[in-house]
Amino acid sequence: MNPDHPHRESDDDYRQALAEGWLPIREVSRRTGVNPVTLRAWERRYGLVVPQRTPKGHRLYSEAQIVRIQAILTWLGRGVAVSKIRALLDEDAPPPPETTASPWDDLRQQCIAAIGRINERQLDELFNGALAIYPAQTLCEQLMLPLLEELERRWQGQFGAQLERVFFHTWLRTKFGTRLYHHNRQQRGAPLLLVNQSGLPLEPGLWLTAWLASSAGCPLETFDWPLPPGELALAVERLQPRAVLLYSSRTLNLLQLPRLLAGVDCPRLLAGPATAIHPDALQELAIAEPPLHLASDPVAAFNLLRELQLLSGEAA
């Protein structure tokens, strides 16, 4: 049995520790966005955050360790390799300046090479290795979004570009779709409804957004194709979601958009490059009542969902 998922009612030491202000790993994960698997990896591999243990082995964290985890995330956000962070924390070094060189560069190039060879196993191993030690948001910011940008530049006018694009987008959808399927089997409460509004098959930004929301413990319902006006409201009626998030990396039918949103009485969000394509027209919807909340990419969408408290237990 995993000691972090105990029959807690029989553990007096555990209950006493919680009463004294210690935090269980799931609460730490909720507050920091770092999933329990990553927290355990940081502890075992790098000694970054070493929790207290009850006699039965349950991990307990202090408020000071929450602060330490936030500092780790700051270093990771600056592109510092996780293996170098403990020494920097112990030395109480100031956050480093932004640099063009990054330990992520090499990993990104290895992924591009695997994609160029249509090597699914190697791409999977590279991603799984990073996922084992980095939080989803860091991995999305530092690897996946820059990787997508570089691939789009690589694919301009290149022979074999469509082969690589279909391979990579299929891998990404299969990878995250499988994770989301198993994640949803463990969740309860109202889902977040995500809809691919771009009409682009295998929209990668949609699946990155779904993955980030899933990493925060949110149940999801993902439609990888646009819905016509009226049917989105029907989906909302039947699913009773906590929010609807439309994702589009393409131009939108602005005349149809208000009709599409009619009858959607839960929070509405639009994410993706489409928000930059139609800034003026969408701004009118953003200040309307109810508003259409806008986010430029999957990470911005994830942060907006957290800001609106749509990923917390309060929304379930």
C-alpha atoms as a PDB file:
ATOM      1  CA  MET A   1       0.000   0.000   0.000  1.00  0.00           C
ATOM      2  CA  ASN A   2       1.228   3.479  -0.826  1.00  0.00           C
ATOM      3  CA  PRO A   3       1.781   5.194   2.571  1.00  0.00           C
ATOM      4  CA  ASP A   4       0.531   8.485   1.120  1.00  0.00           C
ATOM      5  CA  HIS A   5      -2.911   6.924   0.546  1.00  0.00           C
ATOM      6  CA  PRO A   6      -3.528   5.337   3.973  1.00  0.00           C
ATOM      7  CA  HIS A   7      -6.566   4.253   5.899  1.00  0.00           C
ATOM      8  CA  ARG A   8      -6.063   7.450   7.844  1.00  0.00           C
ATOM      9  CA  GLU A   9      -8.766   6.938  10.401  1.00  0.00           C
ATOM     10  CA  SER A  10      -6.539   4.358  12.123  1.00  0.00           C
ATOM     11  CA  ASP A  11      -3.454   6.576  12.229  1.00  0.00           C
ATOM     12  CA  ASP A  12      -3.542   8.691  15.398  1.00  0.00           C
ATOM     13  CA  ASP A  13      -0.063  10.113  14.757  1.00  0.00           C
ATOM     14  CA  TYR A  14      -1.124  11.258  11.316  1.00  0.00           C
ATOM     15  CA  ARG A  15      -4.247  12.998  12.585  1.00  0.00           C
ATOM     16  CA  GLN A  16      -2.303  14.668  15.381  1.00  0.00           C
ATOM     17  CA  ALA A  17       0.300  15.959  12.923  1.00  0.00           C
ATOM     18  CA  LEU A  18      -2.417  17.452  10.722  1.00  0.00           C
ATOM     19  CA  ALA A  19      -3.915  19.151  13.749  1.00  0.00           C
ATOM     20  CA  GLU A  20      -0.492  20.697  14.449  1.00  0.00           C
ATOM     21  CA  GLY A  21      -0.352  22.261  10.990  1.00  0.00           C
ATOM     22  CA  TRP A  22       1.582  19.689   8.963  1.00  0.00           C
ATOM     23  CA  LEU A  23       0.349  19.177   5.419  1.00  0.00           C
ATOM     24  CA  PRO A  24      -0.291  15.881   3.581  1.00  0.00           C
ATOM     25  CA  ILE A  25       1.197  15.398   0.136  1.00  0.00           C
ATOM     26  CA  ARG A  26      -2.115  15.884  -1.674  1.00  0.00           C
ATOM     27  CA  GLU A  27      -2.640  19.266  -0.044  1.00  0.00           C
ATOM     28  CA  VAL A  28       0.912  20.287  -0.956  1.00  0.00           C
ATOM     29  CA  SER A  29       0.242  19.202  -4.526  1.00  0.00           C
ATOM     30  CA  ARG A  30      -2.980  21.231  -4.629  1.00  0.00           C
ATOM     31  CA  ARG A  31      -1.307  24.366  -3.304  1.00  0.00           C
ATOM     32  CA  THR A  32       1.851  24.224  -5.420  1.00  0.00           C
ATOM     33  CA  GLY A  33       0.698  22.505  -8.618  1.00  0.00           C
ATOM     34  CA  VAL A  34       3.448  19.880  -8.269  1.00  0.00           C
ATOM     35  CA  ASN A  35       1.970  16.396  -8.445  1.00  0.00           C
ATOM     36  CA  PRO A  36       2.776  13.778  -5.772  1.00  0.00           C
ATOM     37  CA  VAL A  37       4.847  11.648  -8.170  1.00  0.00           C
ATOM     38  CA  THR A  38       7.157  14.610  -8.841  1.00  0.00           C
ATOM     39  CA  LEU A  39       7.407  15.507  -5.156  1.00  0.00           C
ATOM     40  CA  ARG A  40       8.494  11.946  -4.374  1.00  0.00           C
ATOM     41  CA  ALA A  41      11.034  12.027  -7.222  1.00  0.00           C
ATOM     42  CA  TRP A  42      12.502  15.294  -5.923  1.00  0.00           C
ATOM     43  CA  GLU A  43      12.836  13.684  -2.506  1.00  0.00           C
ATOM     44  CA  ARG A  44      14.349  10.363  -3.630  1.00  0.00           C
ATOM     45  CA  ARG A  45      16.610  11.500  -6.445  1.00  0.00           C
ATOM     46  CA  TYR A  46      17.740  14.939  -5.370  1.00  0.00           C
ATOM     47  CA  GLY A  47      16.871  15.483  -1.700  1.00  0.00           C
ATOM     48  CA  LEU A  48      15.181  18.743  -2.696  1.00  0.00           C
ATOM     49  CA  VAL A  49      12.240  18.562  -0.297  1.00  0.00           C
ATOM     50  CA  VAL A  50      12.451  15.913   2.420  1.00  0.00           C
ATOM     51  CA  PRO A  51       9.196  15.639   4.390  1.00  0.00           C
ATOM     52  CA  GLN A  52       8.638  14.361   7.889  1.00  0.00           C
ATOM     53  CA  ARG A  53       7.269  10.818   8.170  1.00  0.00           C
ATOM     54  CA  THR A  54       4.764   9.363  10.592  1.00  0.00           C
ATOM     55  CA  PRO A  55       5.524   5.912  12.049  1.00  0.00           C
ATOM     56  CA  LYS A  56       3.416   4.463   9.228  1.00  0.00           C
ATOM     57  CA  GLY A  57       5.406   6.336   6.597  1.00  0.00           C
ATOM     58  CA  HIS A  58       2.937   9.065   5.604  1.00  0.00           C
ATOM     59  CA  ARG A  59       4.698  12.149   4.196  1.00  0.00           C
ATOM     60  CA  LEU A  60       4.013  15.434   5.990  1.00  0.00           C
ATOM     61  CA  TYR A  61       5.216  18.875   4.885  1.00  0.00           C
ATOM     62  CA  SER A  62       5.626  22.187   6.661  1.00  0.00           C
ATOM     63  CA  GLU A  63       4.721  25.682   5.481  1.00  0.00           C
ATOM     64  CA  ALA A  64       8.457  26.357   5.124  1.00  0.00           C
ATOM     65  CA  GLN A  65       8.669  23.469   2.674  1.00  0.00           C
ATOM     66  CA  ILE A  66       5.817  24.995   0.657  1.00  0.00           C
ATOM     67  CA  VAL A  67       7.992  28.106   0.345  1.00  0.00           C
ATOM     68  CA  ARG A  68      10.933  25.916  -0.683  1.00  0.00           C
ATOM     69  CA  ILE A  69       8.843  24.241  -3.396  1.00  0.00           C
ATOM     70  CA  GLN A  70       7.848  27.655  -4.726  1.00  0.00           C
ATOM     71  CA  ALA A  71      11.557  28.560  -4.863  1.00  0.00           C
ATOM     72  CA  ILE A  72      12.251  25.348  -6.782  1.00  0.00           C
ATOM     73  CA  LEU A  73       9.570  26.288  -9.289  1.00  0.00           C
ATOM     74  CA  THR A  74      11.178  29.716  -9.685  1.00  0.00           C
ATOM     75  CA  TRP A  75      14.530  28.124 -10.537  1.00  0.00           C
ATOM     76  CA  LEU A  76      12.871  25.678 -12.922  1.00  0.00           C
ATOM     77  CA  GLY A  77      11.065  28.550 -14.594  1.00  0.00           C
ATOM     78  CA  ARG A  78      14.449  30.167 -15.219  1.00  0.00           C
ATOM     79  CA  GLY A  79      15.600  27.078 -17.073  1.00  0.00           C
ATOM     80  CA  VAL A  80      17.876  25.657 -14.351  1.00  0.00           C
ATOM     81  CA  ALA A  81      18.244  21.863 -14.390  1.00  0.00           C
ATOM     82  CA  VAL A  82      16.544  20.186 -11.440  1.00  0.00           C
ATOM     83  CA  SER A  83      19.803  18.403 -10.532  1.00  0.00           C
ATOM     84  CA  LYS A  84      21.484  21.776  -9.794  1.00  0.00           C
ATOM     85  CA  ILE A  85      18.789  23.367  -7.693  1.00  0.00           C
ATOM     86  CA  ARG A  86      19.561  21.884  -4.257  1.00  0.00           C
ATOM     87  CA  ALA A  87      22.993  23.526  -4.104  1.00  0.00           C
ATOM     88  CA  LEU A  88      21.492  26.848  -5.142  1.00  0.00           C
ATOM     89  CA  LEU A  89      18.787  26.621  -2.481  1.00  0.00           C
ATOM     90  CA  ASP A  90      21.254  25.627   0.219  1.00  0.00           C
ATOM     91  CA  GLU A  91      23.471  28.573  -0.718  1.00  0.00           C
ATOM     92  CA  ASP A  92      20.434  30.870  -0.691  1.00  0.00           C
ATOM     93  CA  ALA A  93      21.530  32.199  -4.055  1.00  0.00           C
ATOM     94  CA  PRO A  94      19.424  34.909  -5.730  1.00  0.00           C
ATOM     95  CA  PRO A  95      17.311  33.895  -8.735  1.00  0.00           C
ATOM     96  CA  PRO A  96      19.434  33.834 -11.883  1.00  0.00           C
ATOM     97  CA  PRO A  97      18.883  36.228 -14.767  1.00  0.00           C
ATOM     98  CA  GLU A  98      17.135  35.008 -17.866  1.00  0.00           C
ATOM     99  CA  THR A  99      19.622  33.424 -20.248  1.00  0.00           C
ATOM    100  CA  THR A 100      19.422  32.206 -23.801  1.00  0.00           C
ATOM    101  CA  ALA A 101      21.249  28.970 -22.937  1.00  0.00           C
ATOM    102  CA  SER A 102      19.109  26.376 -21.194  1.00  0.00           C
ATOM    103  CA  PRO A 103      19.349  22.708 -20.238  1.00  0.00           C
ATOM    104  CA  TRP A 104      16.040  22.331 -22.077  1.00  0.00           C
ATOM    105  CA  ASP A 105      17.692  23.080 -25.416  1.00  0.00           C
ATOM    106  CA  ASP A 106      19.360  19.693 -25.621  1.00  0.00           C
ATOM    107  CA  LEU A 107      16.186  17.823 -24.665  1.00  0.00           C
ATOM    108  CA  ARG A 108      14.209  19.758 -27.251  1.00  0.00           C
ATOM    109  CA  GLN A 109      16.724  18.907 -29.969  1.00  0.00           C
ATOM    110  CA  GLN A 110      16.620  15.239 -28.990  1.00  0.00           C
ATOM    111  CA  CYS A 111      12.818  15.330 -29.319  1.00  0.00           C
ATOM    112  CA  ILE A 112      13.063  16.952 -32.743  1.00  0.00           C
ATOM    113  CA  ALA A 113      15.536  14.289 -33.840  1.00  0.00           C
ATOM    114  CA  ALA A 114      13.171  11.538 -32.639  1.00  0.00           C
ATOM    115  CA  ILE A 115      10.286  13.167 -34.506  1.00  0.00           C
ATOM    116  CA  GLY A 116      12.419  13.431 -37.641  1.00  0.00           C
ATOM    117  CA  ARG A 117      13.117   9.687 -37.417  1.00  0.00           C
ATOM    118  CA  ILE A 118       9.427   8.914 -36.650  1.00  0.00           C
ATOM    119  CA  ASN A 119      10.697   7.145 -33.548  1.00  0.00           C
ATOM    120  CA  GLU A 120       7.768   6.896 -31.167  1.00  0.00           C
ATOM    121  CA  ARG A 121       9.590   4.865 -28.522  1.00  0.00           C
ATOM    122  CA  GLN A 122      12.456   7.326 -28.228  1.00  0.00           C
ATOM    123  CA  LEU A 123      10.100  10.322 -28.112  1.00  0.00           C
ATOM    124  CA  ASP A 124       8.074   8.595 -25.410  1.00  0.00           C
ATOM    125  CA  GLU A 125      11.160   7.833 -23.339  1.00  0.00           C
ATOM    126  CA  LEU A 126      12.400  11.427 -23.578  1.00  0.00           C
ATOM    127  CA  PHE A 127       9.047  12.811 -22.468  1.00  0.00           C
ATOM    128  CA  ASN A 128       8.532  10.242 -19.704  1.00  0.00           C
ATOM    129  CA  GLY A 129      11.982  10.949 -18.300  1.00  0.00           C
ATOM    130  CA  ALA A 130      11.221  14.655 -18.061  1.00  0.00           C
ATOM    131  CA  LEU A 131       7.706  14.059 -16.718  1.00  0.00           C
ATOM    132  CA  ALA A 132       9.099  12.012 -13.848  1.00  0.00           C
ATOM    133  CA  ILE A 133      10.967  14.994 -12.383  1.00  0.00           C
ATOM    134  CA  TYR A 134       9.265  18.151 -13.639  1.00  0.00           C
ATOM    135  CA  PRO A 135       5.784  19.533 -12.898  1.00  0.00           C
ATOM    136  CA  ALA A 136       3.388  19.635 -15.832  1.00  0.00           C
ATOM    137  CA  GLN A 137       3.362  23.439 -16.035  1.00  0.00           C
ATOM    138  CA  THR A 138       7.163  23.657 -16.100  1.00  0.00           C
ATOM    139  CA  LEU A 139       7.348  20.920 -18.711  1.00  0.00           C
ATOM    140  CA  CYS A 140       4.757  22.676 -20.855  1.00  0.00           C
ATOM    141  CA  GLU A 141       6.465  26.071 -20.564  1.00  0.00           C
ATOM    142  CA  GLN A 142      10.031  24.897 -21.006  1.00  0.00           C
ATOM    143  CA  LEU A 143       9.678  21.970 -23.421  1.00  0.00           C
ATOM    144  CA  MET A 144       6.338  21.467 -25.136  1.00  0.00           C
ATOM    145  CA  LEU A 145       5.441  25.010 -26.211  1.00  0.00           C
ATOM    146  CA  PRO A 146       8.983  25.872 -27.437  1.00  0.00           C
ATOM    147  CA  LEU A 147       9.080  22.473 -29.175  1.00  0.00           C
ATOM    148  CA  LEU A 148       5.835  23.196 -31.023  1.00  0.00           C
ATOM    149  CA  GLU A 149       7.118  26.609 -32.096  1.00  0.00           C
ATOM    150  CA  GLU A 150      10.388  25.194 -33.396  1.00  0.00           C
ATOM    151  CA  LEU A 151       8.615  22.382 -35.205  1.00  0.00           C
ATOM    152  CA  GLU A 152       6.303  24.833 -36.967  1.00  0.00           C
ATOM    153  CA  ARG A 153       9.349  26.751 -38.230  1.00  0.00           C
ATOM    154  CA  ARG A 154      10.995  23.488 -39.271  1.00  0.00           C
ATOM    155  CA  TRP A 155       7.909  22.398 -41.196  1.00  0.00           C
ATOM    156  CA  GLN A 156       7.664  25.495 -43.386  1.00  0.00           C
ATOM    157  CA  GLY A 157       8.193  24.284 -46.943  1.00  0.00           C
ATOM    158  CA  GLN A 158      10.096  21.151 -45.901  1.00  0.00           C
ATOM    159  CA  PHE A 159       9.601  17.851 -47.700  1.00  0.00           C
ATOM    160  CA  GLY A 160       8.246  15.341 -45.172  1.00  0.00           C
ATOM    161  CA  ALA A 161       6.746  18.091 -42.997  1.00  0.00           C
ATOM    162  CA  GLN A 162       3.242  16.649 -43.088  1.00  0.00           C
ATOM    163  CA  LEU A 163       4.573  13.213 -42.183  1.00  0.00           C
ATOM    164  CA  GLU A 164       6.317  14.635 -39.109  1.00  0.00           C
ATOM    165  CA  ARG A 165       3.334  16.819 -38.175  1.00  0.00           C
ATOM    166  CA  VAL A 166       0.833  13.967 -38.324  1.00  0.00           C
ATOM    167  CA  PHE A 167       3.188  11.677 -36.414  1.00  0.00           C
ATOM    168  CA  PHE A 168       3.874  14.170 -33.639  1.00  0.00           C
ATOM    169  CA  HIS A 169       0.310  15.424 -33.240  1.00  0.00           C
ATOM    170  CA  THR A 170      -0.996  11.836 -33.195  1.00  0.00           C
ATOM    171  CA  TRP A 171       1.584  10.899 -30.557  1.00  0.00           C
ATOM    172  CA  LEU A 172       0.686  13.921 -28.456  1.00  0.00           C
ATOM    173  CA  ARG A 173      -3.050  13.273 -28.619  1.00  0.00           C
ATOM    174  CA  THR A 174      -2.615   9.564 -27.864  1.00  0.00           C
ATOM    175  CA  LYS A 175      -0.206  10.285 -25.009  1.00  0.00           C
ATOM    176  CA  PHE A 176      -2.370  12.830 -23.260  1.00  0.00           C
ATOM    177  CA  GLY A 177      -5.681  11.246 -24.253  1.00  0.00           C
ATOM    178  CA  THR A 178      -4.641   8.020 -22.519  1.00  0.00           C
ATOM    179  CA  ARG A 179      -3.500   9.887 -19.404  1.00  0.00           C
ATOM    180  CA  LEU A 180      -6.735  11.871 -19.268  1.00  0.00           C
ATOM    181  CA  TYR A 181      -8.854   8.752 -19.690  1.00  0.00           C
ATOM    182  CA  HIS A 182      -7.280   7.059 -16.676  1.00  0.00           C
ATOM    183  CA  HIS A 183      -7.259  10.300 -14.694  1.00  0.00           C
ATOM    184  CA  ASN A 184     -10.994  10.812 -15.264  1.00  0.00           C
ATOM    185  CA  ARG A 185     -11.756   7.345 -13.907  1.00  0.00           C
ATOM    186  CA  GLN A 186     -10.423   8.548 -10.535  1.00  0.00           C
ATOM    187  CA  GLN A 187     -12.231  11.908 -10.382  1.00  0.00           C
ATOM    188  CA  ARG A 188     -15.648  13.052  -9.243  1.00  0.00           C
ATOM    189  CA  GLY A 189     -17.512  16.303  -9.655  1.00  0.00           C
ATOM    190  CA  ALA A 190     -18.410  18.609 -12.516  1.00  0.00           C
ATOM    191  CA  PRO A 191     -16.002  18.367 -15.459  1.00  0.00           C
ATOM    192  CA  LEU A 192     -14.288  21.102 -17.387  1.00  0.00           C
ATOM    193  CA  LEU A 193     -15.589  20.940 -20.965  1.00  0.00           C
ATOM    194  CA  LEU A 194     -12.909  21.599 -23.604  1.00  0.00           C
ATOM    195  CA  VAL A 195     -13.851  21.986 -27.260  1.00  0.00           C
ATOM    196  CA  ASN A 196     -11.547  22.142 -30.276  1.00  0.00           C
ATOM    197  CA  GLN A 197     -12.994  25.223 -31.960  1.00  0.00           C
ATOM    198  CA  SER A 198     -10.314  25.501 -34.652  1.00  0.00           C
ATOM    199  CA  GLY A 199     -11.411  22.521 -36.719  1.00  0.00           C
ATOM    200  CA  LEU A 200      -7.745  21.538 -36.918  1.00  0.00           C
ATOM    201  CA  PRO A 201      -7.469  17.766 -36.421  1.00  0.00           C
ATOM    202  CA  LEU A 202      -5.431  16.733 -33.376  1.00  0.00           C
ATOM    203  CA  GLU A 203      -5.154  20.346 -32.127  1.00  0.00           C
ATOM    204  CA  PRO A 204      -2.039  20.139 -29.902  1.00  0.00           C
ATOM    205  CA  GLY A 205      -2.881  23.224 -27.833  1.00  0.00           C
ATOM    206  CA  LEU A 206      -6.197  21.673 -26.816  1.00  0.00           C
ATOM    207  CA  TRP A 207      -4.498  18.567 -25.482  1.00  0.00           C
ATOM    208  CA  LEU A 208      -1.788  20.525 -23.687  1.00  0.00           C
ATOM    209  CA  THR A 209      -4.503  22.591 -21.995  1.00  0.00           C
ATOM    210  CA  ALA A 210      -6.383  19.437 -21.030  1.00  0.00           C
ATOM    211  CA  TRP A 211      -3.193  17.893 -19.640  1.00  0.00           C
ATOM    212  CA  LEU A 212      -2.450  20.942 -17.480  1.00  0.00           C
ATOM    213  CA  ALA A 213      -5.996  21.064 -16.115  1.00  0.00           C
ATOM    214  CA  SER A 214      -5.846  17.341 -15.422  1.00  0.00           C
ATOM    215  CA  SER A 215      -2.576  17.799 -13.518  1.00  0.00           C
ATOM    216  CA  ALA A 216      -4.488  20.035 -11.084  1.00  0.00           C
ATOM    217  CA  GLY A 217      -6.985  17.254 -10.352  1.00  0.00           C
ATOM    218  CA  CYS A 218      -9.782  18.506 -12.587  1.00  0.00           C
ATOM    219  CA  PRO A 219     -12.116  16.018 -14.318  1.00  0.00           C
ATOM    220  CA  LEU A 220     -12.408  16.718 -18.038  1.00  0.00           C
ATOM    221  CA  GLU A 221     -14.664  16.191 -21.017  1.00  0.00           C
ATOM    222  CA  THR A 222     -12.777  16.849 -24.260  1.00  0.00           C
ATOM    223  CA  PHE A 223     -14.405  17.254 -27.672  1.00  0.00           C
ATOM    224  CA  ASP A 224     -11.793  17.268 -30.429  1.00  0.00           C
ATOM    225  CA  TRP A 225     -14.074  18.874 -33.024  1.00  0.00           C
ATOM    226  CA  PRO A 226     -16.238  22.026 -33.113  1.00  0.00           C
ATOM    227  CA  LEU A 227     -19.884  21.912 -32.111  1.00  0.00           C
ATOM    228  CA  PRO A 228     -22.543  23.857 -34.036  1.00  0.00           C
ATOM    229  CA  PRO A 229     -24.547  26.626 -32.343  1.00  0.00           C
ATOM    230  CA  GLY A 230     -27.190  25.138 -30.112  1.00  0.00           C
ATOM    231  CA  GLU A 231     -25.375  21.865 -29.577  1.00  0.00           C
ATOM    232  CA  LEU A 232     -22.765  23.431 -27.296  1.00  0.00           C
ATOM    233  CA  ALA A 233     -25.632  24.623 -25.083  1.00  0.00           C
ATOM    234  CA  LEU A 234     -27.069  21.104 -25.282  1.00  0.00           C
ATOM    235  CA  ALA A 235     -23.726  19.663 -24.131  1.00  0.00           C
ATOM    236  CA  VAL A 236     -23.705  22.119 -21.234  1.00  0.00           C
ATOM    237  CA  GLU A 237     -27.260  21.121 -20.299  1.00  0.00           C
ATOM    238  CA  ARG A 238     -26.364  17.442 -20.249  1.00  0.00           C
ATOM    239  CA  LEU A 239     -22.878  17.603 -18.713  1.00  0.00           C
ATOM    240  CA  GLN A 240     -23.407  20.496 -16.257  1.00  0.00           C
ATOM    241  CA  PRO A 241     -19.697  21.433 -16.544  1.00  0.00           C
ATOM    242  CA  ARG A 242     -17.895  23.777 -14.187  1.00  0.00           C
ATOM    243  CA  ALA A 243     -16.793  25.799 -17.245  1.00  0.00           C
ATOM    244  CA  VAL A 244     -16.503  25.655 -21.026  1.00  0.00           C
ATOM    245  CA  LEU A 245     -13.131  26.294 -22.666  1.00  0.00           C
ATOM    246  CA  LEU A 246     -12.951  26.702 -26.437  1.00  0.00           C
ATOM    247  CA  TYR A 247      -9.498  26.327 -27.977  1.00  0.00           C
ATOM    248  CA  SER A 248      -8.555  27.637 -31.405  1.00  0.00           C
ATOM    249  CA  SER A 249      -5.272  28.283 -33.184  1.00  0.00           C
ATOM    250  CA  ARG A 250      -7.113  29.451 -36.317  1.00  0.00           C
ATOM    251  CA  THR A 251      -9.405  32.299 -37.318  1.00  0.00           C
ATOM    252  CA  LEU A 252     -12.897  32.187 -35.863  1.00  0.00           C
ATOM    253  CA  ASN A 253     -16.300  32.773 -37.356  1.00  0.00           C
ATOM    254  CA  LEU A 254     -16.988  35.912 -35.343  1.00  0.00           C
ATOM    255  CA  LEU A 255     -20.600  36.149 -36.474  1.00  0.00           C
ATOM    256  CA  GLN A 256     -21.263  32.638 -35.218  1.00  0.00           C
ATOM    257  CA  LEU A 257     -19.406  32.946 -31.914  1.00  0.00           C
ATOM    258  CA  PRO A 258     -22.144  34.801 -29.943  1.00  0.00           C
ATOM    259  CA  ARG A 259     -24.702  32.274 -31.198  1.00  0.00           C
ATOM    260  CA  LEU A 260     -22.394  29.445 -30.148  1.00  0.00           C
ATOM    261  CA  LEU A 261     -22.100  30.854 -26.623  1.00  0.00           C
ATOM    262  CA  ALA A 262     -25.815  31.546 -26.248  1.00  0.00           C
ATOM    263  CA  GLY A 263     -27.307  29.375 -23.547  1.00  0.00           C
ATOM    264  CA  VAL A 264     -23.908  28.595 -21.992  1.00  0.00           C
ATOM    265  CA  ASP A 265     -24.593  29.725 -18.439  1.00  0.00           C
ATOM    266  CA  CYS A 266     -21.350  28.546 -16.853  1.00  0.00           C
ATOM    267  CA  PRO A 267     -17.984  30.390 -17.081  1.00  0.00           C
ATOM    268  CA  ARG A 268     -16.809  30.665 -20.726  1.00  0.00           C
ATOM    269  CA  LEU A 269     -13.177  30.782 -21.831  1.00  0.00           C
ATOM    270  CA  LEU A 270     -11.473  31.073 -25.202  1.00  0.00           C
ATOM    271  CA  ALA A 271      -7.813  30.078 -25.471  1.00  0.00           C
ATOM    272  CA  GLY A 272      -5.191  29.856 -28.175  1.00  0.00           C
ATOM    273  CA  PRO A 273      -3.679  32.024 -30.936  1.00  0.00           C
ATOM    274  CA  ALA A 274      -7.172  33.000 -32.111  1.00  0.00           C
ATOM    275  CA  THR A 275      -7.250  35.501 -29.240  1.00  0.00           C
ATOM    276  CA  ALA A 276      -4.391  37.385 -30.933  1.00  0.00           C
ATOM    277  CA  ILE A 277      -5.940  37.093 -34.400  1.00  0.00           C
ATOM    278  CA  HIS A 278      -9.192  38.842 -33.361  1.00  0.00           C
ATOM    279  CA  PRO A 279      -8.154  41.088 -30.435  1.00  0.00           C
ATOM    280  CA  ASP A 280     -10.658  43.918 -30.958  1.00  0.00           C
ATOM    281  CA  ALA A 281     -13.734  41.817 -31.679  1.00  0.00           C
ATOM    282  CA  LEU A 282     -13.011  39.444 -28.802  1.00  0.00           C
ATOM    283  CA  GLN A 283     -12.426  42.310 -26.408  1.00  0.00           C
ATOM    284  CA  GLU A 284     -16.073  43.267 -26.819  1.00  0.00           C
ATOM    285  CA  LEU A 285     -17.084  39.775 -25.718  1.00  0.00           C
ATOM    286  CA  ALA A 286     -14.549  39.885 -22.882  1.00  0.00           C
ATOM    287  CA  ILE A 287     -16.262  42.895 -21.287  1.00  0.00           C
ATOM    288  CA  ALA A 288     -19.796  41.681 -21.977  1.00  0.00           C
ATOM    289  CA  GLU A 289     -21.974  40.038 -19.338  1.00  0.00           C
ATOM    290  CA  PRO A 290     -21.359  37.222 -18.847  1.00  0.00           C
ATOM    291  CA  PRO A 291     -17.758  37.713 -19.991  1.00  0.00           C
ATOM    292  CA  LEU A 292     -15.720  35.549 -22.330  1.00  0.00           C
ATOM    293  CA  HIS A 293     -12.373  35.067 -20.584  1.00  0.00           C
ATOM    294  CA  LEU A 294      -9.363  35.067 -22.923  1.00  0.00           C
ATOM    295  CA  ALA A 295      -6.012  33.253 -22.735  1.00  0.00           C
ATOM    296  CA  SER A 296      -3.261  33.211 -25.341  1.00  0.00           C
ATOM    297  CA  ASP A 297      -1.887  29.680 -24.883  1.00  0.00           C
ATOM    298  CA  PRO A 298      -2.281  26.524 -22.756  1.00  0.00           C
ATOM    299  CA  VAL A 299      -0.220  27.859 -19.828  1.00  0.00           C
ATOM    300  CA  ALA A 300      -2.147  31.151 -19.795  1.00  0.00           C
ATOM    301  CA  ALA A 301      -5.396  29.156 -19.931  1.00  0.00           C
ATOM    302  CA  PHE A 302      -4.269  27.006 -17.010  1.00  0.00           C
ATOM    303  CA  ASN A 303      -3.347  30.073 -14.945  1.00  0.00           C
ATOM    304  CA  LEU A 304      -6.681  31.693 -15.793  1.00  0.00           C
ATOM    305  CA  LEU A 305      -8.559  28.571 -14.709  1.00  0.00           C
ATOM    306  CA  ARG A 306      -6.709  28.686 -11.400  1.00  0.00           C
ATOM    307  CA  GLU A 307      -7.357  32.410 -11.015  1.00  0.00           C
ATOM    308  CA  LEU A 308     -11.079  31.821 -11.563  1.00  0.00           C
ATOM    309  CA  GLN A 309     -10.926  28.934  -9.040  1.00  0.00           C
ATOM    310  CA  LEU A 310     -12.203  26.518 -11.667  1.00  0.00           C
ATOM    311  CA  LEU A 311      -9.632  23.853 -10.823  1.00  0.00           C
ATOM    312  CA  SER A 312     -10.190  23.801  -7.069  1.00  0.00           C
ATOM    313  CA  GLY A 313     -12.485  21.618  -5.048  1.00  0.00           C
ATOM    314  CA  GLU A 314     -14.799  24.627  -4.687  1.00  0.00           C
ATOM    315  CA  ALA A 315     -15.889  24.202  -8.297  1.00  0.00           C
ATOM    316  CA  ALA A 316     -16.520  20.458  -8.067  1.00  0.00           C
END
